[in-house]
């Protein structure tokens, strides 16, 4: 059976090739079947584009998902736990916390209650510059007088 319509898609070309090599008659490739084949090919391409690569699905280069440390309220009994939790979280998420300013900002963001919030606001007031904050390096920040936080 010879087809007079022009086959413009890979699916249509495959169908026409199978029809000519098969002893079973294959329906003629029409414009409607070409449109359907094109839509099916597009769906397949979109699935391939959305599918995660092996590298990303295996977790290579991704930080693990851990619970964030609890906010710190300034209670001296909670300071050690808070700092350990922050260090653990940042250590386990090296891709996120690759700069000192990100580490400092993260810790400050969790100082959201009580005397810790007051300390944070005082610290930020001292570090404010024209276009943001001029934070210390992380080592200097982590060595700040802890008694003044609580």
Protein backbone atom coordinates (compact mmCIF):
# COMPACT_ATOMS: atom_id res chain seq x y z
CA UNK A 1 0.00 0.00 0.00
CA UNK A 2 1.62 3.24 -1.07
CA UNK A 3 1.04 6.39 0.87
CA UNK A 4 0.55 9.62 -1.00
CA UNK A 5 0.80 11.86 2.05
CA UNK A 6 4.17 13.24 3.04
CA UNK A 7 5.57 11.76 6.27
CA UNK A 8 7.13 14.55 8.34
CA UNK A 9 7.62 13.04 11.79
CA UNK A 10 9.89 10.28 13.04
CA UNK A 11 6.89 8.37 14.38
CA UNK A 12 5.14 8.72 11.06
CA UNK A 13 8.27 7.60 9.23
CA UNK A 14 8.60 4.55 11.48
CA UNK A 15 4.95 3.69 10.97
CA UNK A 16 5.29 3.97 7.21
CA UNK A 17 8.46 1.83 7.24
CA UNK A 18 6.79 -0.83 9.37
CA UNK A 19 3.76 -0.80 7.09
CA UNK A 20 5.82 -1.35 3.97
CA UNK A 21 7.90 -4.18 5.51
CA UNK A 22 4.96 -5.91 7.18
CA UNK A 23 2.59 -8.35 5.54
CA UNK A 24 -0.25 -6.93 7.64
CA UNK A 25 -1.81 -3.85 6.04
CA UNK A 26 -1.07 -0.70 8.07
CA UNK A 27 -3.47 2.23 8.07
CA UNK A 28 -2.50 5.12 5.89
CA UNK A 29 -0.57 7.88 7.67
CA UNK A 30 -2.88 10.85 7.66
CA UNK A 31 -2.43 14.39 8.88
CA UNK A 32 -4.35 13.46 12.04
CA UNK A 33 -2.03 10.55 12.87
CA UNK A 34 0.99 12.77 12.18
CA UNK A 35 -0.30 15.38 14.64
CA UNK A 36 -0.97 12.67 17.24
CA UNK A 37 2.52 11.21 16.71
CA UNK A 38 4.11 14.64 17.07
CA UNK A 39 2.25 15.26 20.33
CA UNK A 40 3.37 11.87 21.67
CA UNK A 41 6.99 12.62 20.71
CA UNK A 42 6.75 16.00 22.46
CA UNK A 43 5.43 14.31 25.61
CA UNK A 44 8.37 11.91 25.54
CA UNK A 45 10.87 14.75 25.16
CA UNK A 46 9.31 16.68 28.05
CA UNK A 47 9.52 13.58 30.26
CA UNK A 48 13.20 13.18 29.38
CA UNK A 49 13.83 16.85 30.17
CA UNK A 50 12.08 16.59 33.55
CA UNK A 51 13.64 13.28 34.53
CA UNK A 52 16.48 13.75 37.02
CA UNK A 53 19.90 12.74 35.85
CA UNK A 54 21.65 9.87 37.56
CA UNK A 55 24.03 12.28 39.27
CA UNK A 56 21.24 14.30 40.87
CA UNK A 57 19.06 11.32 41.77
CA UNK A 58 21.96 9.60 43.51
CA UNK A 59 22.48 12.61 45.76
CA UNK A 60 25.89 13.54 44.38
CA UNK A 61 26.46 17.25 44.97
CA UNK A 62 23.32 17.65 47.05
CA UNK A 63 23.19 18.55 50.71
CA UNK A 64 21.24 16.14 52.94
CA UNK A 65 17.89 17.22 54.31
CA UNK A 66 18.20 17.80 58.04
CA UNK A 67 15.93 19.51 60.52
CA UNK A 68 16.94 23.13 61.09
CA UNK A 69 18.12 24.04 64.58
CA UNK A 70 15.49 25.41 66.93
CA UNK A 71 15.48 29.21 67.34
CA UNK A 72 17.54 30.52 70.23
CA UNK A 73 15.82 32.65 72.86
CA UNK A 74 18.83 33.71 74.93
CA UNK A 75 18.37 31.11 77.66
CA UNK A 76 21.92 30.22 78.83
CA UNK A 77 20.95 26.56 79.27
CA UNK A 78 20.15 26.35 75.54
CA UNK A 79 23.20 28.18 74.14
CA UNK A 80 25.52 25.18 73.86
CA UNK A 81 22.83 23.03 72.21
CA UNK A 82 21.96 25.85 69.83
CA UNK A 83 25.55 26.40 68.72
CA UNK A 84 26.20 22.66 68.29
CA UNK A 85 23.00 22.27 66.25
CA UNK A 86 23.99 25.21 64.03
CA UNK A 87 27.50 23.87 63.44
CA UNK A 88 26.12 20.41 62.65
CA UNK A 89 23.56 21.81 60.21
CA UNK A 90 26.12 23.99 58.42
CA UNK A 91 28.69 21.18 58.30
CA UNK A 92 26.15 18.84 56.71
CA UNK A 93 25.14 21.50 54.17
CA UNK A 94 28.49 22.67 52.76
CA UNK A 95 27.04 23.67 49.39
CA UNK A 96 24.67 26.09 51.07
CA UNK A 97 27.07 27.45 53.68
CA UNK A 98 30.10 28.03 51.51
CA UNK A 99 30.73 31.60 52.68
CA UNK A 100 31.22 33.11 56.14
CA UNK A 101 28.42 35.62 55.61
CA UNK A 102 25.94 32.79 54.92
CA UNK A 103 26.92 31.02 58.14
CA UNK A 104 26.64 34.18 60.21
CA UNK A 105 23.34 35.17 58.61
CA UNK A 106 21.92 31.70 59.25
CA UNK A 107 22.83 31.77 62.94
CA UNK A 108 21.51 35.31 63.35
CA UNK A 109 18.25 34.36 61.65
CA UNK A 110 17.65 31.79 64.40
CA UNK A 111 18.23 34.31 67.18
CA UNK A 112 14.65 35.44 67.08
CA UNK A 113 13.44 35.55 70.67
CA UNK A 114 14.20 37.13 74.01
CA UNK A 115 17.68 38.38 74.83
CA UNK A 116 19.12 36.61 71.76
CA UNK A 117 16.98 38.79 69.50
CA UNK A 118 18.15 41.92 71.34
CA UNK A 119 21.79 40.82 70.97
CA UNK A 120 21.25 40.12 67.24
CA UNK A 121 19.73 43.56 66.66
CA UNK A 122 22.64 45.26 68.48
CA UNK A 123 25.16 43.23 66.44
CA UNK A 124 23.42 44.07 63.16
CA UNK A 125 23.29 47.77 64.06
CA UNK A 126 27.08 47.72 64.50
CA UNK A 127 27.68 45.89 61.20
CA UNK A 128 25.32 47.95 59.03
CA UNK A 129 26.95 49.70 56.06
CA UNK A 130 25.50 51.55 53.06
CA UNK A 131 24.58 48.50 51.00
CA UNK A 132 24.12 45.75 53.60
CA UNK A 133 26.15 44.29 56.43
CA UNK A 134 29.91 44.04 56.83
CA UNK A 135 30.09 40.82 58.84
CA UNK A 136 33.20 39.58 60.60
CA UNK A 137 34.68 36.35 59.32
CA UNK A 138 33.02 33.27 60.78
CA UNK A 139 35.90 32.48 63.14
CA UNK A 140 35.75 35.96 64.69
CA UNK A 141 31.95 35.79 64.92
CA UNK A 142 32.00 32.39 66.63
CA UNK A 143 34.50 33.70 69.21
CA UNK A 144 32.32 36.64 70.28
CA UNK A 145 31.68 36.98 73.98
CA UNK A 146 28.96 34.41 74.59
CA UNK A 147 28.07 35.93 77.93
CA UNK A 148 26.78 38.99 76.13
CA UNK A 149 24.35 36.83 74.12
CA UNK A 150 22.58 35.41 77.15
